[in-house]
Protein backbone atom coordinates (compact mmCIF):
# COMPACT_ATOMS: atom_id res chain seq x y z
CA MET A 1 71.51 -21.12 41.14
CA THR A 2 68.89 -18.46 40.31
CA THR A 3 69.80 -15.24 38.56
CA PRO A 4 68.05 -11.92 39.44
CA TRP A 5 66.09 -12.14 36.23
CA SER A 6 64.98 -15.74 36.55
CA VAL A 7 61.30 -16.52 37.19
CA ARG A 8 60.00 -19.83 38.42
CA PRO A 9 57.18 -21.60 36.38
CA ILE A 10 54.49 -20.89 38.96
CA GLU A 11 55.36 -17.20 38.82
CA CYS A 12 55.14 -17.25 35.01
CA LEU A 13 51.60 -18.63 35.22
CA SER A 14 50.58 -15.97 37.74
CA LEU A 15 51.96 -13.18 35.57
CA LEU A 16 50.10 -14.55 32.54
CA VAL A 17 46.77 -14.60 34.40
CA VAL A 18 47.29 -11.03 35.58
CA ALA A 19 48.15 -9.87 32.05
CA LEU A 20 45.06 -11.47 30.61
CA TRP A 21 42.88 -9.92 33.32
CA VAL A 22 44.29 -6.46 32.68
CA SER A 23 43.87 -6.89 28.93
CA SER A 24 40.21 -7.91 29.29
CA CYS A 25 39.50 -4.91 31.50
CA ALA A 26 41.17 -2.49 29.11
CA SER A 27 39.54 -3.77 25.91
CA PRO A 28 36.03 -5.20 26.37
CA PRO A 29 34.82 -7.45 23.54
CA VAL A 30 33.21 -5.53 20.69
CA GLN A 31 29.56 -6.38 20.18
CA PRO A 32 28.29 -6.53 16.58
CA ALA A 33 26.27 -3.46 15.65
CA ALA A 34 22.52 -3.98 15.51
CA ALA A 35 20.99 -3.68 12.07
CA PRO A 36 19.30 -0.29 11.64
CA GLU A 37 15.53 -0.24 11.73
CA PRO A 38 14.09 0.38 8.27
CA SER A 39 12.55 3.83 7.99
CA THR A 40 8.88 4.23 7.16
CA ARG A 41 8.48 5.39 3.58
CA ILE A 42 5.74 6.81 1.41
CA TYR A 43 5.52 5.63 -2.21
CA VAL A 44 3.61 7.59 -4.87
CA ALA A 45 2.78 6.34 -8.39
CA ASN A 46 2.93 9.18 -10.95
CA GLU A 47 1.03 8.24 -14.10
CA SER A 48 2.15 11.03 -16.45
CA SER A 49 5.82 11.06 -15.44
CA ASN A 50 6.10 7.23 -15.46
CA ASN A 51 7.84 7.02 -12.09
CA VAL A 52 7.51 6.45 -8.35
CA THR A 53 8.34 9.13 -5.79
CA VAL A 54 9.84 7.83 -2.53
CA ILE A 55 9.39 10.01 0.58
CA ASP A 56 10.71 9.59 4.12
CA ALA A 57 7.56 9.48 6.27
CA THR A 58 9.26 11.16 9.25
CA THR A 59 11.06 14.06 7.59
CA LEU A 60 8.81 14.18 4.50
CA ALA A 61 11.94 14.63 2.38
CA VAL A 62 11.97 13.07 -1.09
CA VAL A 63 14.42 10.13 -0.92
CA ALA A 64 14.34 9.14 -4.59
CA THR A 65 12.42 9.23 -7.84
CA ILE A 66 12.43 5.80 -9.50
CA ASP A 67 11.91 5.42 -13.24
CA ALA A 68 9.38 2.58 -13.66
CA ARG A 69 10.93 1.79 -17.07
CA ASN A 70 7.40 1.53 -18.40
CA TYR A 71 4.53 3.91 -19.21
CA SER A 72 1.51 5.26 -17.29
CA THR A 73 2.58 4.17 -13.81
CA HIS A 74 -0.70 3.67 -11.98
CA ASP A 75 -1.07 1.34 -8.97
CA LEU A 76 1.15 0.08 -6.13
CA SER A 77 1.25 -2.94 -3.81
CA LEU A 78 3.94 -3.45 -1.17
CA THR A 79 5.04 -6.82 0.22
CA ARG A 80 4.51 -7.37 3.95
CA ASP A 81 8.22 -7.03 4.72
CA GLY A 82 8.40 -3.85 2.68
CA ARG A 83 11.23 -5.15 0.47
CA ARG A 84 9.42 -5.33 -2.87
CA LEU A 85 7.03 -2.87 -4.50
CA PHE A 86 4.81 -4.07 -7.35
CA VAL A 87 3.80 -1.30 -9.76
CA THR A 88 1.29 -1.43 -12.65
CA ASN A 89 1.83 0.54 -15.85
CA LEU A 90 -1.36 1.05 -17.87
CA ALA A 91 0.08 1.92 -21.26
CA SER A 92 2.73 -0.82 -21.15
CA GLY A 93 0.55 -3.62 -19.77
CA ARG A 94 3.43 -4.43 -17.46
CA VAL A 95 4.17 -4.68 -13.76
CA SER A 96 7.47 -3.18 -12.60
CA VAL A 97 9.02 -4.78 -9.51
CA ILE A 98 11.09 -2.39 -7.37
CA ASP A 99 13.64 -3.45 -4.77
CA THR A 100 13.02 -0.94 -1.98
CA GLN A 101 16.56 -1.22 -0.59
CA SER A 102 18.41 -0.50 -3.83
CA LEU A 103 15.49 1.64 -5.11
CA GLU A 104 15.80 0.06 -8.54
CA VAL A 105 13.51 -1.85 -10.90
CA ILE A 106 14.55 -5.51 -10.83
CA ALA A 107 11.84 -6.99 -13.07
CA SER A 108 9.25 -6.02 -15.68
CA ILE A 109 6.41 -8.48 -16.27
CA PHE A 110 3.87 -8.30 -19.09
CA THR A 111 0.53 -9.25 -17.52
CA GLY A 112 -1.98 -8.09 -20.13
CA PHE A 113 -3.21 -5.00 -21.97
CA ARG A 114 -3.84 -2.02 -19.69
CA SER A 115 -2.74 -3.51 -16.39
CA HIS A 116 -4.68 -1.38 -13.92
CA VAL A 117 -4.47 -2.58 -10.33
CA VAL A 118 -2.22 -5.00 -8.42
CA THR A 119 -2.95 -6.58 -5.02
CA LEU A 120 -0.92 -9.12 -3.04
CA THR A 121 -2.63 -12.18 -1.62
CA ASN A 122 -2.93 -12.48 2.15
CA ASP A 123 -0.12 -15.05 2.29
CA ASN A 124 2.09 -12.69 0.26
CA ARG A 125 2.90 -15.42 -2.28
CA HIS A 126 1.08 -14.06 -5.33
CA ALA A 127 0.30 -10.73 -6.94
CA TRP A 128 -3.07 -10.51 -8.67
CA VAL A 129 -3.20 -8.00 -11.52
CA ALA A 130 -6.43 -6.75 -13.13
CA ASN A 131 -5.99 -6.06 -16.86
CA ILE A 132 -8.69 -3.75 -18.23
CA GLY A 133 -7.91 -4.41 -21.89
CA GLU A 134 -8.29 -8.19 -21.65
CA ASP A 135 -11.04 -8.57 -19.02
CA MET A 136 -8.97 -10.88 -16.86
CA ILE A 137 -6.73 -11.20 -13.82
CA SER A 138 -3.14 -12.43 -14.08
CA ILE A 139 -1.63 -14.28 -11.11
CA VAL A 140 2.10 -13.59 -10.64
CA ASP A 141 4.48 -15.55 -8.39
CA VAL A 142 6.11 -13.01 -6.03
CA GLU A 143 9.46 -14.85 -5.91
CA THR A 144 9.98 -16.02 -9.50
CA PHE A 145 7.92 -13.26 -11.24
CA ARG A 146 6.30 -15.96 -13.43
CA ILE A 147 2.64 -15.78 -14.45
CA LEU A 148 0.97 -18.84 -12.96
CA GLY A 149 -2.43 -18.43 -14.61
CA THR A 150 -5.29 -16.11 -15.48
CA ILE A 151 -8.92 -15.69 -14.37
CA PRO A 152 -11.61 -14.24 -16.69
CA THR A 153 -13.64 -11.35 -15.23
CA GLY A 154 -16.40 -9.00 -16.31
CA LYS A 155 -15.82 -6.02 -18.59
CA GLY A 156 -13.04 -3.65 -17.59
CA PRO A 157 -11.74 -4.92 -14.20
CA THR A 158 -10.43 -1.93 -12.22
CA GLY A 159 -10.47 -2.68 -8.47
CA LEU A 160 -9.25 -5.72 -6.52
CA THR A 161 -9.01 -6.78 -2.88
CA PHE A 162 -9.25 -9.89 -0.70
CA SER A 163 -11.42 -10.90 2.24
CA ARG A 164 -9.84 -10.99 5.70
CA ASP A 165 -9.56 -14.80 5.67
CA GLY A 166 -8.24 -14.82 2.09
CA ARG A 167 -11.01 -17.14 0.85
CA PHE A 168 -12.48 -14.61 -1.57
CA ALA A 169 -11.24 -12.00 -4.00
CA TYR A 170 -13.41 -9.06 -5.01
CA VAL A 171 -13.01 -7.41 -8.42
CA SER A 172 -14.92 -4.37 -9.66
CA ASN A 173 -15.82 -4.20 -13.37
CA GLN A 174 -16.42 -0.72 -14.74
CA GLY A 175 -18.05 -1.96 -17.96
CA ASP A 176 -20.58 -4.17 -16.17
CA ARG A 177 -21.13 -1.94 -13.11
CA THR A 178 -20.56 -4.98 -10.92
CA VAL A 179 -18.33 -6.51 -8.27
CA GLN A 180 -17.53 -10.17 -8.79
CA VAL A 181 -16.69 -12.51 -5.91
CA ILE A 182 -13.99 -15.06 -6.77
CA ASP A 183 -13.25 -18.19 -4.75
CA THR A 184 -9.46 -18.04 -4.35
CA GLY A 185 -9.20 -21.82 -4.01
CA SER A 186 -10.96 -22.73 -7.24
CA HIS A 187 -10.44 -19.42 -9.08
CA THR A 188 -14.11 -19.37 -10.07
CA VAL A 189 -16.64 -16.54 -9.84
CA ILE A 190 -19.24 -17.47 -7.24
CA LYS A 191 -21.34 -14.31 -7.28
CA THR A 192 -21.84 -11.09 -9.23
CA ILE A 193 -23.10 -8.05 -7.29
CA PRO A 194 -24.59 -4.98 -9.08
CA VAL A 195 -23.10 -1.80 -7.60
CA GLY A 196 -23.17 1.45 -9.61
CA SER A 197 -21.61 3.64 -12.25
CA ASN A 198 -17.96 2.99 -13.10
CA PRO A 199 -16.90 1.16 -9.91
CA HIS A 200 -13.17 1.41 -9.29
CA PHE A 201 -11.37 1.22 -5.96
CA LEU A 202 -11.97 -1.63 -3.49
CA VAL A 203 -10.43 -2.10 -0.04
CA LEU A 204 -10.82 -4.40 2.97
CA GLY A 205 -12.08 -2.34 5.90
CA PRO A 206 -11.15 -2.76 9.57
CA ASP A 207 -14.66 -4.12 10.13
CA GLY A 208 -13.90 -7.04 7.78
CA ARG A 209 -16.25 -5.73 5.10
CA ILE A 210 -15.33 -4.71 1.55
CA TRP A 211 -15.56 -0.99 0.77
CA GLY A 212 -15.85 0.39 -2.76
CA CYS A 213 -16.29 3.62 -4.72
CA ASN A 214 -18.58 4.23 -7.69
CA THR A 215 -16.22 6.70 -9.35
CA GLY A 216 -18.61 7.37 -12.23
CA GLY A 217 -21.35 8.24 -9.74
CA ASN A 218 -21.49 9.89 -6.32
CA ASP A 219 -21.60 7.11 -3.75
CA ILE A 220 -19.64 4.47 -1.85
CA TYR A 221 -20.86 1.01 -0.85
CA VAL A 222 -19.99 -1.73 1.65
CA ILE A 223 -20.19 -5.46 0.92
CA ASP A 224 -20.81 -7.97 3.71
CA PRO A 225 -18.57 -11.04 3.08
CA GLU A 226 -20.98 -13.28 4.98
CA SER A 227 -23.96 -12.65 2.70
CA GLN A 228 -21.91 -11.44 -0.30
CA SER A 229 -24.33 -8.55 -0.74
CA ILE A 230 -24.36 -4.79 -0.23
CA ALA A 231 -24.86 -4.00 3.45
CA ALA A 232 -24.66 -0.20 3.29
CA SER A 233 -24.15 2.70 0.90
CA LEU A 234 -23.87 6.47 1.14
CA VAL A 235 -24.05 9.37 -1.32
CA LEU A 236 -21.04 11.66 -0.88
CA GLY A 237 -20.70 13.77 -4.03
CA PRO A 238 -19.20 13.52 -7.52
CA ALA A 239 -16.35 11.14 -8.35
CA PRO A 240 -15.37 9.34 -5.12
CA GLN A 241 -11.94 7.81 -5.74
CA GLN A 242 -10.21 5.88 -2.93
CA ILE A 243 -10.65 5.08 0.77
CA ALA A 244 -8.39 4.85 3.84
CA PHE A 245 -9.23 4.33 7.52
CA ALA A 246 -8.10 6.45 10.46
CA TYR A 247 -9.15 7.90 13.83
CA LYS A 248 -10.16 11.35 15.04
CA GLY A 249 -9.06 11.27 18.65
CA ILE A 250 -10.81 8.23 20.09
CA ALA A 251 -13.57 8.30 17.46
CA GLY A 252 -13.26 5.70 14.76
CA PRO A 253 -12.15 4.01 12.77
CA ASN A 254 -13.58 6.37 10.18
CA ALA A 255 -13.44 6.03 6.42
CA TYR A 256 -11.58 8.87 4.67
CA VAL A 257 -12.77 9.13 1.05
CA THR A 258 -11.17 11.29 -1.65
CA LEU A 259 -13.79 13.20 -3.63
CA ALA A 260 -12.31 14.37 -6.93
CA GLY A 261 -15.41 16.31 -7.99
CA THR A 262 -15.27 18.74 -5.05
CA ASN A 263 -11.55 18.57 -4.10
CA GLU A 264 -12.31 17.24 -0.64
CA VAL A 265 -11.69 14.33 1.69
CA VAL A 266 -14.98 13.20 3.19
CA VAL A 267 -14.87 11.58 6.65
CA VAL A 268 -17.48 8.83 7.03
CA GLY A 269 -18.51 7.36 10.37
CA MET A 270 -19.97 3.87 10.62
CA GLU A 271 -21.75 3.45 13.94
CA GLY A 272 -24.30 0.65 14.24
CA GLY A 273 -23.62 -0.59 10.75
CA LYS A 274 -24.88 2.66 9.23
CA LEU A 275 -22.80 5.23 7.37
CA HIS A 276 -22.94 9.00 7.86
CA VAL A 277 -20.79 12.00 6.93
CA ARG A 278 -18.81 13.39 9.88
CA GLU A 279 -17.04 16.22 8.10
CA LYS A 280 -15.41 17.38 4.88
CA ILE A 281 -11.74 18.40 4.64
CA PRO A 282 -10.31 20.57 1.83
CA ALA A 283 -7.72 18.76 -0.30
CA GLY A 284 -5.62 19.66 -3.35
CA ASP A 285 -6.70 19.78 -6.97
CA ARG A 286 -8.46 16.49 -7.83
CA PRO A 287 -7.53 14.21 -4.92
CA ASN A 288 -7.22 10.54 -5.77
CA GLY A 289 -4.97 8.17 -3.78
CA ILE A 290 -5.16 8.10 0.01
CA TRP A 291 -3.44 6.06 2.76
CA SER A 292 -3.14 6.27 6.56
CA ASN A 293 -0.23 5.76 8.92
CA ALA A 294 -0.19 2.73 11.23
CA GLN A 295 -1.52 4.74 14.17
CA GLY A 296 -4.43 6.19 12.20
CA THR A 297 -3.47 9.75 13.15
CA ARG A 298 -2.47 10.95 9.68
CA VAL A 299 -3.74 10.44 6.16
CA PHE A 300 -1.66 10.99 3.04
CA VAL A 301 -3.51 12.29 -0.03
CA VAL A 302 -2.16 12.66 -3.57
CA ASN A 303 -3.74 15.20 -5.92
CA GLU A 304 -3.48 14.40 -9.61
CA VAL A 305 -3.79 17.96 -10.96
CA SER A 306 -1.84 19.94 -8.35
CA ASN A 307 0.84 17.18 -8.44
CA ASP A 308 1.43 16.99 -4.71
CA LEU A 309 1.03 14.86 -1.61
CA ARG A 310 -0.68 16.43 1.38
CA VAL A 311 -0.45 15.20 4.96
CA ILE A 312 -3.62 15.67 7.01
CA ASP A 313 -3.65 15.45 10.81
CA THR A 314 -6.83 13.51 11.57
CA GLY A 315 -7.15 15.03 15.05
CA THR A 316 -7.34 18.60 13.79
CA SER A 317 -8.37 17.87 10.17
CA GLN A 318 -5.67 20.32 9.08
CA THR A 319 -3.11 19.90 6.29
CA ILE A 320 0.25 19.96 8.08
CA ALA A 321 2.57 19.43 5.12
CA LYS A 322 2.68 19.42 1.33
CA VAL A 323 5.26 17.60 -0.81
CA GLU A 324 5.73 18.05 -4.56
CA VAL A 325 5.75 14.73 -6.44
CA GLY A 326 5.57 13.67 -10.12
CA ARG A 327 2.93 14.45 -12.71
CA LYS A 328 -0.57 13.07 -12.16
CA PRO A 329 -0.06 11.08 -8.93
CA ILE A 330 -2.70 8.36 -8.72
CA ARG A 331 -1.81 6.01 -5.87
CA VAL A 332 0.01 6.23 -2.54
CA VAL A 333 1.07 3.47 -0.12
CA VAL A 334 3.01 3.68 3.15
CA SER A 335 5.33 1.01 4.56
CA ARG A 336 4.64 -0.16 8.12
């Protein structure tokens, strides 16, 4: 006999299916939140205040000021994933390693007296550090922070970059007025190229050639990696410092060169393998470091006497923003 409240098994199953269906409609499964995209940041090395200023590239707000825990913070090199920043400190002879998520120094590596410039290899495995006081390059493992070896150079190595294929390293020597070409496989110097007075900054250009500044003179030069010789040069004015590449509308890429002697950024065109001055843009007091955004529509310039970073729109050649940083900013890099 069945009571009014009794339910047969088949009815129980039907009620269960309906309940589950209603429950699934009412509460859809929660999807895990996507990881936020890392923001683009600007990093500035401040030599006299021994720190790194971190700036949000979109809002241009200062995110943090990181104590390098060393002295005379000078040069910067960022890993490809943007997670580690390698920082030279001239007076300490050390490289500070900064974790860009925690914004803290996680390692301090003695590389040699007066560590001047640091550059990461194309495969991102090693950091090469030029030490002015010992006339040599130290090779640092990016993961373990161990020094794997050293390479002797000319007198006073100050600039360092790699060829597009990674086969060669180029190091400028201020004491010898030369650029040496180093085979990265054998770690031997294969050629020495005379350049000019007090050569400093070197950078790989978008044309695959090596661009450099004779900071003690008034000119820049371009090295052809095929012939390992100077392919072009151009007189700009006193104390050219650093170079970045960007566009003016559809024209370019152009080289943007900081000129400390005249407080300008000089825009250099390079049609047909020849260099020429396109225009000159006013900068702050003694411009030094310069970098461009990924689109090539803005350049970021740090001025070591006015202690600021200025953002220049390359389309209009106008300064659109100014950000106060530390004392004597020397170098700026931007994450991609």
